[in-house]
Protein backbone atom coordinates (compact mmCIF):
# COMPACT_ATOMS: atom_id res chain seq x y z
CA UNK A 1 0.00 0.00 0.00
CA UNK A 2 2.88 2.35 0.76
CA UNK A 3 4.30 1.70 -2.71
CA UNK A 4 0.95 2.57 -4.27
CA UNK A 5 0.75 5.75 -2.20
CA UNK A 6 4.24 6.72 -3.38
CA UNK A 7 3.09 6.51 -6.99
CA UNK A 8 -0.39 8.03 -6.60
CA UNK A 9 0.32 10.81 -4.11
CA UNK A 10 3.98 10.99 -3.07
CA UNK A 11 3.42 14.12 -0.98
CA UNK A 12 1.21 12.15 1.43
CA UNK A 13 3.37 9.04 1.76
CA UNK A 14 4.16 9.84 5.42
CA UNK A 15 0.47 9.94 6.28
CA UNK A 16 -0.01 6.48 4.76
CA UNK A 17 2.97 5.14 6.71
CA UNK A 18 1.38 6.27 9.99
CA UNK A 19 -1.80 4.22 9.42
CA UNK A 20 -1.88 1.05 11.52
CA UNK A 21 -2.64 -1.98 9.38
CA UNK A 22 -2.47 -4.67 12.04
CA UNK A 23 -4.97 -7.48 11.76
CA UNK A 24 -6.71 -6.40 14.97
CA UNK A 25 -7.02 -2.76 13.85
CA UNK A 26 -8.47 -3.70 10.48
CA UNK A 27 -10.93 -6.15 12.06
CA UNK A 28 -12.07 -3.47 14.51
CA UNK A 29 -12.53 -0.91 11.74
CA UNK A 30 -14.48 -3.38 9.60
CA UNK A 31 -16.74 -4.12 12.59
CA UNK A 32 -17.26 -0.38 13.18
CA UNK A 33 -18.14 0.24 9.53
CA UNK A 34 -20.47 -2.77 9.55
CA UNK A 35 -22.34 -1.45 12.59
CA UNK A 36 -22.68 2.03 11.03
CA UNK A 37 -24.05 0.55 7.78
CA UNK A 38 -26.41 -1.72 9.72
CA UNK A 39 -27.86 1.23 11.64
CA UNK A 40 -28.12 3.29 8.44
CA UNK A 41 -30.03 0.49 6.69
CA UNK A 42 -32.33 0.00 9.68
CA UNK A 43 -33.12 3.71 9.67
CA UNK A 44 -33.83 3.76 5.93
CA UNK A 45 -35.82 0.51 5.99
CA UNK A 46 -38.14 1.86 8.68
CA UNK A 47 -39.18 4.56 6.19
CA UNK A 48 -39.85 2.26 3.23
CA UNK A 49 -43.35 2.39 1.78
CA UNK A 50 -42.61 -0.74 -0.28
CA UNK A 51 -39.69 -3.14 -0.32
CA UNK A 52 -38.45 -6.33 -1.94
CA UNK A 53 -35.83 -8.86 -0.96
CA UNK A 54 -33.64 -10.68 -3.46
CA UNK A 55 -31.29 -13.52 -2.65
CA UNK A 56 -28.27 -14.98 -4.34
CA UNK A 57 -26.53 -18.14 -3.30
CA UNK A 58 -23.10 -19.14 -4.48
CA UNK A 59 -20.19 -21.27 -3.31
CA UNK A 60 -16.81 -19.92 -2.30
CA UNK A 61 -13.45 -21.55 -3.03
CA UNK A 62 -13.85 -23.87 -0.03
CA UNK A 63 -17.21 -25.05 -1.41
CA UNK A 64 -19.15 -23.34 1.40
CA UNK A 65 -22.48 -21.89 0.33
CA UNK A 66 -22.67 -18.11 0.71
CA UNK A 67 -26.11 -16.57 0.99
CA UNK A 68 -26.49 -12.91 -0.04
CA UNK A 69 -29.69 -10.99 0.66
CA UNK A 70 -30.29 -7.66 -1.04
CA UNK A 71 -33.04 -5.22 -0.09
CA UNK A 72 -34.60 -2.65 -2.36
CA UNK A 73 -37.00 -0.14 -0.90
CA UNK A 74 -38.96 2.89 -1.95
CA UNK A 75 -39.26 5.92 0.32
CA UNK A 76 -42.16 8.42 0.46
CA UNK A 77 -40.09 10.78 -1.69
CA UNK A 78 -39.92 7.99 -4.35
CA UNK A 79 -36.19 7.63 -3.69
CA UNK A 80 -35.06 4.05 -4.29
CA UNK A 81 -32.58 2.45 -1.90
CA UNK A 82 -30.71 -0.74 -2.77
CA UNK A 83 -28.32 -2.35 -0.31
CA UNK A 84 -26.70 -5.64 0.56
CA UNK A 85 -28.57 -6.54 3.73
CA UNK A 86 -26.96 -9.84 4.69
CA UNK A 87 -24.11 -12.14 3.81
CA UNK A 88 -24.09 -15.45 5.62
CA UNK A 89 -22.37 -18.79 5.22
CA UNK A 90 -24.72 -21.74 4.96
CA UNK A 91 -22.95 -24.82 6.28
CA UNK A 92 -25.70 -27.37 5.73
CA UNK A 93 -27.60 -28.27 2.61
CA UNK A 94 -28.94 -25.46 0.47
CA UNK A 95 -32.54 -26.42 -0.07
CA UNK A 96 -35.09 -23.61 -0.21
CA UNK A 97 -36.12 -24.45 3.36
CA UNK A 98 -32.50 -24.23 4.60
CA UNK A 99 -32.02 -20.86 2.91
CA UNK A 100 -35.30 -19.54 4.33
CA UNK A 101 -34.25 -20.71 7.81
CA UNK A 102 -30.90 -18.92 7.40
CA UNK A 103 -32.64 -15.68 6.40
CA UNK A 104 -35.14 -15.92 9.26
CA UNK A 105 -32.47 -16.65 11.88
CA UNK A 106 -30.30 -13.77 10.62
CA UNK A 107 -33.16 -11.27 10.90
CA UNK A 108 -34.13 -12.49 14.37
CA UNK A 109 -30.61 -11.71 15.66
C-alpha atoms as a PDB file:
ATOM      1  CA  UNK A   1       0.000   0.000   0.000  1.00  0.00           C
ATOM      2  CA  UNK A   2       2.882   2.349   0.758  1.00  0.00           C
ATOM      3  CA  UNK A   3       4.299   1.700  -2.713  1.00  0.00           C
ATOM      4  CA  UNK A   4       0.946   2.574  -4.272  1.00  0.00           C
ATOM      5  CA  UNK A   5       0.749   5.749  -2.205  1.00  0.00           C
ATOM      6  CA  UNK A   6       4.237   6.720  -3.379  1.00  0.00           C
ATOM      7  CA  UNK A   7       3.087   6.507  -6.990  1.00  0.00           C
ATOM      8  CA  UNK A   8      -0.387   8.035  -6.597  1.00  0.00           C
ATOM      9  CA  UNK A   9       0.321  10.813  -4.108  1.00  0.00           C
ATOM     10  CA  UNK A  10       3.977  10.987  -3.073  1.00  0.00           C
ATOM     11  CA  UNK A  11       3.422  14.123  -0.983  1.00  0.00           C
ATOM     12  CA  UNK A  12       1.212  12.148   1.433  1.00  0.00           C
ATOM     13  CA  UNK A  13       3.371   9.038   1.757  1.00  0.00           C
ATOM     14  CA  UNK A  14       4.163   9.843   5.418  1.00  0.00           C
ATOM     15  CA  UNK A  15       0.473   9.935   6.283  1.00  0.00           C
ATOM     16  CA  UNK A  16      -0.006   6.480   4.763  1.00  0.00           C
ATOM     17  CA  UNK A  17       2.970   5.140   6.715  1.00  0.00           C
ATOM     18  CA  UNK A  18       1.381   6.272   9.986  1.00  0.00           C
ATOM     19  CA  UNK A  19      -1.804   4.215   9.423  1.00  0.00           C
ATOM     20  CA  UNK A  20      -1.882   1.052  11.522  1.00  0.00           C
ATOM     21  CA  UNK A  21      -2.643  -1.976   9.381  1.00  0.00           C
ATOM     22  CA  UNK A  22      -2.470  -4.666  12.042  1.00  0.00           C
ATOM     23  CA  UNK A  23      -4.974  -7.480  11.760  1.00  0.00           C
ATOM     24  CA  UNK A  24      -6.709  -6.396  14.974  1.00  0.00           C
ATOM     25  CA  UNK A  25      -7.021  -2.763  13.850  1.00  0.00           C
ATOM     26  CA  UNK A  26      -8.470  -3.700  10.478  1.00  0.00           C
ATOM     27  CA  UNK A  27     -10.928  -6.146  12.061  1.00  0.00           C
ATOM     28  CA  UNK A  28     -12.069  -3.471  14.510  1.00  0.00           C
ATOM     29  CA  UNK A  29     -12.528  -0.906  11.736  1.00  0.00           C
ATOM     30  CA  UNK A  30     -14.478  -3.380   9.603  1.00  0.00           C
ATOM     31  CA  UNK A  31     -16.743  -4.116  12.587  1.00  0.00           C
ATOM     32  CA  UNK A  32     -17.265  -0.380  13.181  1.00  0.00           C
ATOM     33  CA  UNK A  33     -18.141   0.237   9.529  1.00  0.00           C
ATOM     34  CA  UNK A  34     -20.465  -2.767   9.547  1.00  0.00           C
ATOM     35  CA  UNK A  35     -22.335  -1.446  12.588  1.00  0.00           C
ATOM     36  CA  UNK A  36     -22.685   2.025  11.032  1.00  0.00           C
ATOM     37  CA  UNK A  37     -24.049   0.554   7.784  1.00  0.00           C
ATOM     38  CA  UNK A  38     -26.412  -1.723   9.722  1.00  0.00           C
ATOM     39  CA  UNK A  39     -27.861   1.233  11.642  1.00  0.00           C
ATOM     40  CA  UNK A  40     -28.124   3.287   8.442  1.00  0.00           C
ATOM     41  CA  UNK A  41     -30.028   0.494   6.686  1.00  0.00           C
ATOM     42  CA  UNK A  42     -32.334  -0.002   9.683  1.00  0.00           C
ATOM     43  CA  UNK A  43     -33.119   3.706   9.666  1.00  0.00           C
ATOM     44  CA  UNK A  44     -33.832   3.765   5.925  1.00  0.00           C
ATOM     45  CA  UNK A  45     -35.823   0.510   5.991  1.00  0.00           C
ATOM     46  CA  UNK A  46     -38.141   1.860   8.682  1.00  0.00           C
ATOM     47  CA  UNK A  47     -39.180   4.564   6.191  1.00  0.00           C
ATOM     48  CA  UNK A  48     -39.850   2.262   3.230  1.00  0.00           C
ATOM     49  CA  UNK A  49     -43.346   2.392   1.783  1.00  0.00           C
ATOM     50  CA  UNK A  50     -42.613  -0.737  -0.278  1.00  0.00           C
ATOM     51  CA  UNK A  51     -39.689  -3.142  -0.315  1.00  0.00           C
ATOM     52  CA  UNK A  52     -38.448  -6.327  -1.936  1.00  0.00           C
ATOM     53  CA  UNK A  53     -35.825  -8.861  -0.959  1.00  0.00           C
ATOM     54  CA  UNK A  54     -33.640 -10.685  -3.458  1.00  0.00           C
ATOM     55  CA  UNK A  55     -31.290 -13.523  -2.654  1.00  0.00           C
ATOM     56  CA  UNK A  56     -28.270 -14.979  -4.335  1.00  0.00           C
ATOM     57  CA  UNK A  57     -26.532 -18.144  -3.303  1.00  0.00           C
ATOM     58  CA  UNK A  58     -23.098 -19.137  -4.479  1.00  0.00           C
ATOM     59  CA  UNK A  59     -20.191 -21.268  -3.306  1.00  0.00           C
ATOM     60  CA  UNK A  60     -16.812 -19.916  -2.297  1.00  0.00           C
ATOM     61  CA  UNK A  61     -13.450 -21.551  -3.032  1.00  0.00           C
ATOM     62  CA  UNK A  62     -13.854 -23.869  -0.026  1.00  0.00           C
ATOM     63  CA  UNK A  63     -17.214 -25.049  -1.408  1.00  0.00           C
ATOM     64  CA  UNK A  64     -19.152 -23.340   1.396  1.00  0.00           C
ATOM     65  CA  UNK A  65     -22.481 -21.894   0.327  1.00  0.00           C
ATOM     66  CA  UNK A  66     -22.672 -18.113   0.715  1.00  0.00           C
ATOM     67  CA  UNK A  67     -26.113 -16.570   0.986  1.00  0.00           C
ATOM     68  CA  UNK A  68     -26.486 -12.911  -0.042  1.00  0.00           C
ATOM     69  CA  UNK A  69     -29.686 -10.987   0.665  1.00  0.00           C
ATOM     70  CA  UNK A  70     -30.291  -7.655  -1.038  1.00  0.00           C
ATOM     71  CA  UNK A  71     -33.036  -5.221  -0.087  1.00  0.00           C
ATOM     72  CA  UNK A  72     -34.601  -2.653  -2.361  1.00  0.00           C
ATOM     73  CA  UNK A  73     -36.998  -0.144  -0.901  1.00  0.00           C
ATOM     74  CA  UNK A  74     -38.956   2.894  -1.953  1.00  0.00           C
ATOM     75  CA  UNK A  75     -39.265   5.923   0.324  1.00  0.00           C
ATOM     76  CA  UNK A  76     -42.160   8.419   0.460  1.00  0.00           C
ATOM     77  CA  UNK A  77     -40.090  10.779  -1.692  1.00  0.00           C
ATOM     78  CA  UNK A  78     -39.918   7.991  -4.348  1.00  0.00           C
ATOM     79  CA  UNK A  79     -36.193   7.630  -3.694  1.00  0.00           C
ATOM     80  CA  UNK A  80     -35.056   4.046  -4.286  1.00  0.00           C
ATOM     81  CA  UNK A  81     -32.576   2.451  -1.896  1.00  0.00           C
ATOM     82  CA  UNK A  82     -30.705  -0.738  -2.768  1.00  0.00           C
ATOM     83  CA  UNK A  83     -28.319  -2.351  -0.314  1.00  0.00           C
ATOM     84  CA  UNK A  84     -26.702  -5.642   0.555  1.00  0.00           C
ATOM     85  CA  UNK A  85     -28.570  -6.539   3.733  1.00  0.00           C
ATOM     86  CA  UNK A  86     -26.958  -9.843   4.688  1.00  0.00           C
ATOM     87  CA  UNK A  87     -24.106 -12.144   3.815  1.00  0.00           C
ATOM     88  CA  UNK A  88     -24.091 -15.446   5.621  1.00  0.00           C
ATOM     89  CA  UNK A  89     -22.371 -18.794   5.220  1.00  0.00           C
ATOM     90  CA  UNK A  90     -24.723 -21.745   4.962  1.00  0.00           C
ATOM     91  CA  UNK A  91     -22.954 -24.823   6.279  1.00  0.00           C
ATOM     92  CA  UNK A  92     -25.699 -27.374   5.732  1.00  0.00           C
ATOM     93  CA  UNK A  93     -27.597 -28.270   2.611  1.00  0.00           C
ATOM     94  CA  UNK A  94     -28.937 -25.457   0.472  1.00  0.00           C
ATOM     95  CA  UNK A  95     -32.544 -26.419  -0.068  1.00  0.00           C
ATOM     96  CA  UNK A  96     -35.093 -23.613  -0.208  1.00  0.00           C
ATOM     97  CA  UNK A  97     -36.117 -24.452   3.358  1.00  0.00           C
ATOM     98  CA  UNK A  98     -32.500 -24.229   4.605  1.00  0.00           C
ATOM     99  CA  UNK A  99     -32.021 -20.864   2.907  1.00  0.00           C
ATOM    100  CA  UNK A 100     -35.299 -19.539   4.333  1.00  0.00           C
ATOM    101  CA  UNK A 101     -34.249 -20.710   7.814  1.00  0.00           C
ATOM    102  CA  UNK A 102     -30.896 -18.919   7.403  1.00  0.00           C
ATOM    103  CA  UNK A 103     -32.643 -15.683   6.399  1.00  0.00           C
ATOM    104  CA  UNK A 104     -35.145 -15.919   9.264  1.00  0.00           C
ATOM    105  CA  UNK A 105     -32.466 -16.646  11.876  1.00  0.00           C
ATOM    106  CA  UNK A 106     -30.301 -13.770  10.624  1.00  0.00           C
ATOM    107  CA  UNK A 107     -33.156 -11.270  10.901  1.00  0.00           C
ATOM    108  CA  UNK A 108     -34.130 -12.490  14.370  1.00  0.00           C
ATOM    109  CA  UNK A 109     -30.613 -11.709  15.665  1.00  0.00           C
END
